[in-house]
Protein backbone atom coordinates (compact mmCIF):
# COMPACT_ATOMS: atom_id res chain seq x y z
CA UNK A 1 -213.78 58.64 -10.26
CA UNK A 2 -210.45 60.37 -9.75
CA UNK A 3 -207.22 58.43 -9.43
CA UNK A 4 -204.10 60.12 -8.10
CA UNK A 5 -200.89 58.22 -8.64
CA UNK A 6 -197.64 59.04 -6.87
CA UNK A 7 -194.87 58.61 -9.43
CA UNK A 8 -191.13 58.23 -9.17
CA UNK A 9 -189.83 61.59 -10.45
CA UNK A 10 -187.02 59.98 -12.44
CA UNK A 11 -188.72 57.13 -14.34
CA UNK A 12 -192.45 57.84 -13.73
CA UNK A 13 -192.98 54.37 -12.24
CA UNK A 14 -196.01 54.06 -9.94
CA UNK A 15 -195.24 54.21 -6.22
CA UNK A 16 -198.79 54.39 -4.84
CA UNK A 17 -202.36 55.06 -6.01
CA UNK A 18 -205.38 56.65 -4.37
CA UNK A 19 -208.95 56.42 -5.70
CA UNK A 20 -211.63 59.02 -4.94
CA UNK A 21 -215.18 58.07 -5.94
CA UNK A 22 -217.49 60.64 -4.43
CA UNK A 23 -215.32 63.61 -3.49
CA UNK A 24 -216.09 67.08 -4.87
CA UNK A 25 -212.92 68.44 -3.25
CA UNK A 26 -209.69 66.50 -2.75
CA UNK A 27 -207.29 68.13 -0.30
CA UNK A 28 -203.59 67.31 -0.55
CA UNK A 29 -200.92 68.14 2.03
CA UNK A 30 -198.73 66.93 4.87
CA UNK A 31 -201.20 66.92 7.78
CA UNK A 32 -203.70 64.21 8.64
CA UNK A 33 -206.92 66.07 7.86
CA UNK A 34 -206.13 66.11 4.13
CA UNK A 35 -207.67 63.50 1.83
CA UNK A 36 -204.26 62.62 0.41
CA UNK A 37 -201.51 62.86 3.02
CA UNK A 38 -197.89 63.27 1.88
CA UNK A 39 -196.20 63.54 5.27
CA UNK A 40 -192.80 62.25 4.05
CA UNK A 41 -192.15 65.21 1.75
CA UNK A 42 -190.81 68.34 3.49
CA UNK A 43 -191.40 70.41 0.31
CA UNK A 44 -195.16 69.85 0.69
CA UNK A 45 -197.07 72.39 2.78
CA UNK A 46 -199.46 71.31 5.51
CA UNK A 47 -202.27 72.29 3.12
CA UNK A 48 -200.73 72.38 -0.35
CA UNK A 49 -203.29 71.74 -3.07
CA UNK A 50 -207.03 71.40 -3.56
CA UNK A 51 -208.62 69.62 -6.51
CA UNK A 52 -212.19 70.85 -6.99
CA UNK A 53 -214.84 69.28 -9.17
CA UNK A 54 -216.64 71.78 -11.40
CA UNK A 55 -220.39 71.53 -10.77
CA UNK A 56 -222.50 69.62 -13.31
CA UNK A 57 -219.43 68.58 -15.29
CA UNK A 58 -216.77 65.92 -15.14
CA UNK A 59 -214.07 68.61 -15.13
CA UNK A 60 -211.76 69.47 -12.26
CA UNK A 61 -209.63 72.45 -11.37
CA UNK A 62 -206.51 72.62 -9.23
CA UNK A 63 -205.95 75.39 -6.69
CA UNK A 64 -202.44 75.78 -5.27
CA UNK A 65 -202.53 76.94 -1.64
CA UNK A 66 -199.06 75.83 -0.54
CA UNK A 67 -196.05 78.02 0.19
CA UNK A 68 -193.82 76.29 -2.38
CA UNK A 69 -196.25 76.34 -5.30
CA UNK A 70 -197.29 73.64 -7.73
CA UNK A 71 -196.78 72.79 -11.39
CA UNK A 72 -198.98 71.05 -13.96
CA UNK A 73 -197.08 69.41 -16.79
CA UNK A 74 -194.09 71.55 -15.80
CA UNK A 75 -195.95 74.90 -15.78
CA UNK A 76 -196.35 76.89 -12.54
CA UNK A 77 -199.98 77.70 -11.64
CA UNK A 78 -202.12 79.15 -8.89
CA UNK A 79 -205.49 77.97 -10.24
CA UNK A 80 -206.16 76.07 -13.45
CA UNK A 81 -208.33 73.46 -15.16
CA UNK A 82 -206.95 69.95 -14.85
CA UNK A 83 -206.60 67.93 -18.05
CA UNK A 84 -206.93 64.17 -17.78
CA UNK A 85 -203.57 62.47 -17.14
CA UNK A 86 -202.00 65.74 -15.97
CA UNK A 87 -198.72 65.53 -14.07
CA UNK A 88 -198.86 67.61 -10.90
CA UNK A 89 -195.65 68.43 -9.07
CA UNK A 90 -195.97 69.86 -5.59
CA UNK A 91 -193.08 72.36 -5.23
CA UNK A 92 -189.83 72.23 -7.17
CA UNK A 93 -188.27 68.80 -6.62
CA UNK A 94 -191.40 67.79 -4.70
CA UNK A 95 -193.58 64.72 -5.23
CA UNK A 96 -195.05 64.03 -8.66
CA UNK A 97 -198.71 63.01 -8.95
CA UNK A 98 -200.65 61.89 -12.00
CA UNK A 99 -204.29 63.00 -12.12
CA UNK A 100 -206.58 60.57 -13.99
CA UNK A 101 -210.32 60.49 -14.56
CA UNK A 102 -212.08 57.22 -15.20
CA UNK A 103 -212.64 53.78 -13.81
CA UNK A 104 -210.53 51.74 -11.48
CA UNK A 105 -208.25 49.31 -13.25
CA UNK A 106 -209.15 45.66 -13.26
CA UNK A 107 -207.31 42.59 -14.48
CA UNK A 108 -208.76 42.96 -18.00
CA UNK A 109 -207.70 46.61 -18.51
CA UNK A 110 -204.93 46.77 -21.05
CA UNK A 111 -206.16 43.69 -22.95
CA UNK A 112 -207.14 44.45 -26.51
CA UNK A 113 -210.51 42.91 -27.45
CA UNK A 114 -208.79 40.35 -29.67
CA UNK A 115 -206.52 39.25 -26.79
CA UNK A 116 -209.49 39.07 -24.45
CA UNK A 117 -211.40 36.91 -26.94
CA UNK A 118 -208.41 34.59 -27.34
CA UNK A 119 -208.12 34.24 -23.57
CA UNK A 120 -211.86 33.64 -23.21
CA UNK A 121 -211.81 31.09 -26.04
CA UNK A 122 -208.93 29.23 -24.37
CA UNK A 123 -210.82 28.90 -21.07
CA UNK A 124 -214.12 27.99 -22.74
CA UNK A 125 -212.37 25.27 -24.79
CA UNK A 126 -210.87 23.85 -21.60
CA UNK A 127 -214.23 23.91 -19.80
CA UNK A 128 -215.95 22.22 -22.76
CA UNK A 129 -213.29 19.48 -22.83
CA UNK A 130 -213.79 18.81 -19.12
CA UNK A 131 -217.60 18.64 -19.50
CA UNK A 132 -217.25 16.36 -22.53
CA UNK A 133 -214.99 14.04 -20.51
CA UNK A 134 -217.51 13.91 -17.64
CA UNK A 135 -220.42 13.14 -20.01
CA UNK A 136 -218.47 10.39 -21.79
CA UNK A 137 -217.52 8.82 -18.45
CA UNK A 138 -221.15 8.80 -17.28
CA UNK A 139 -222.27 7.37 -20.64
CA UNK A 140 -219.76 4.47 -20.49
CA UNK A 141 -220.64 3.73 -16.86
CA UNK A 142 -224.34 3.48 -17.81
CA UNK A 143 -223.55 1.20 -20.77
CA UNK A 144 -221.37 -1.12 -18.66
CA UNK A 145 -224.05 -1.34 -15.91
CA UNK A 146 -226.72 -2.27 -18.49
CA UNK A 147 -224.68 -5.12 -20.04
């Protein structure tokens, strides 16, 4: 899966994310027949950039087809291999995208295994305490009814 993240150019904070699961080509530009549409950026060409999956591999290449060019990690390119977590800028002072390969984030991403285990242990302890309380209540009710 490919994730493209639109970043704030100044502080690299996430503005928006797009996830592409089954695309072999991802087209980026201003017009509506692109896969990723950046219509609010005048620096972006109607058809600005194509990301193409390399057959039989999990590698991608970027092909710049826009009038104003593109940069990967600050270096101008026309066609190049895309490293994971590459920063792609469409035109000088244009939008900044982060290219990432991998899985979609979930609520447990970012938790170290030890933190996950602590969290799991906390919830399991709570569940066990609730079950223990229910069993004790049933037990005392049965004893009182039999007296």
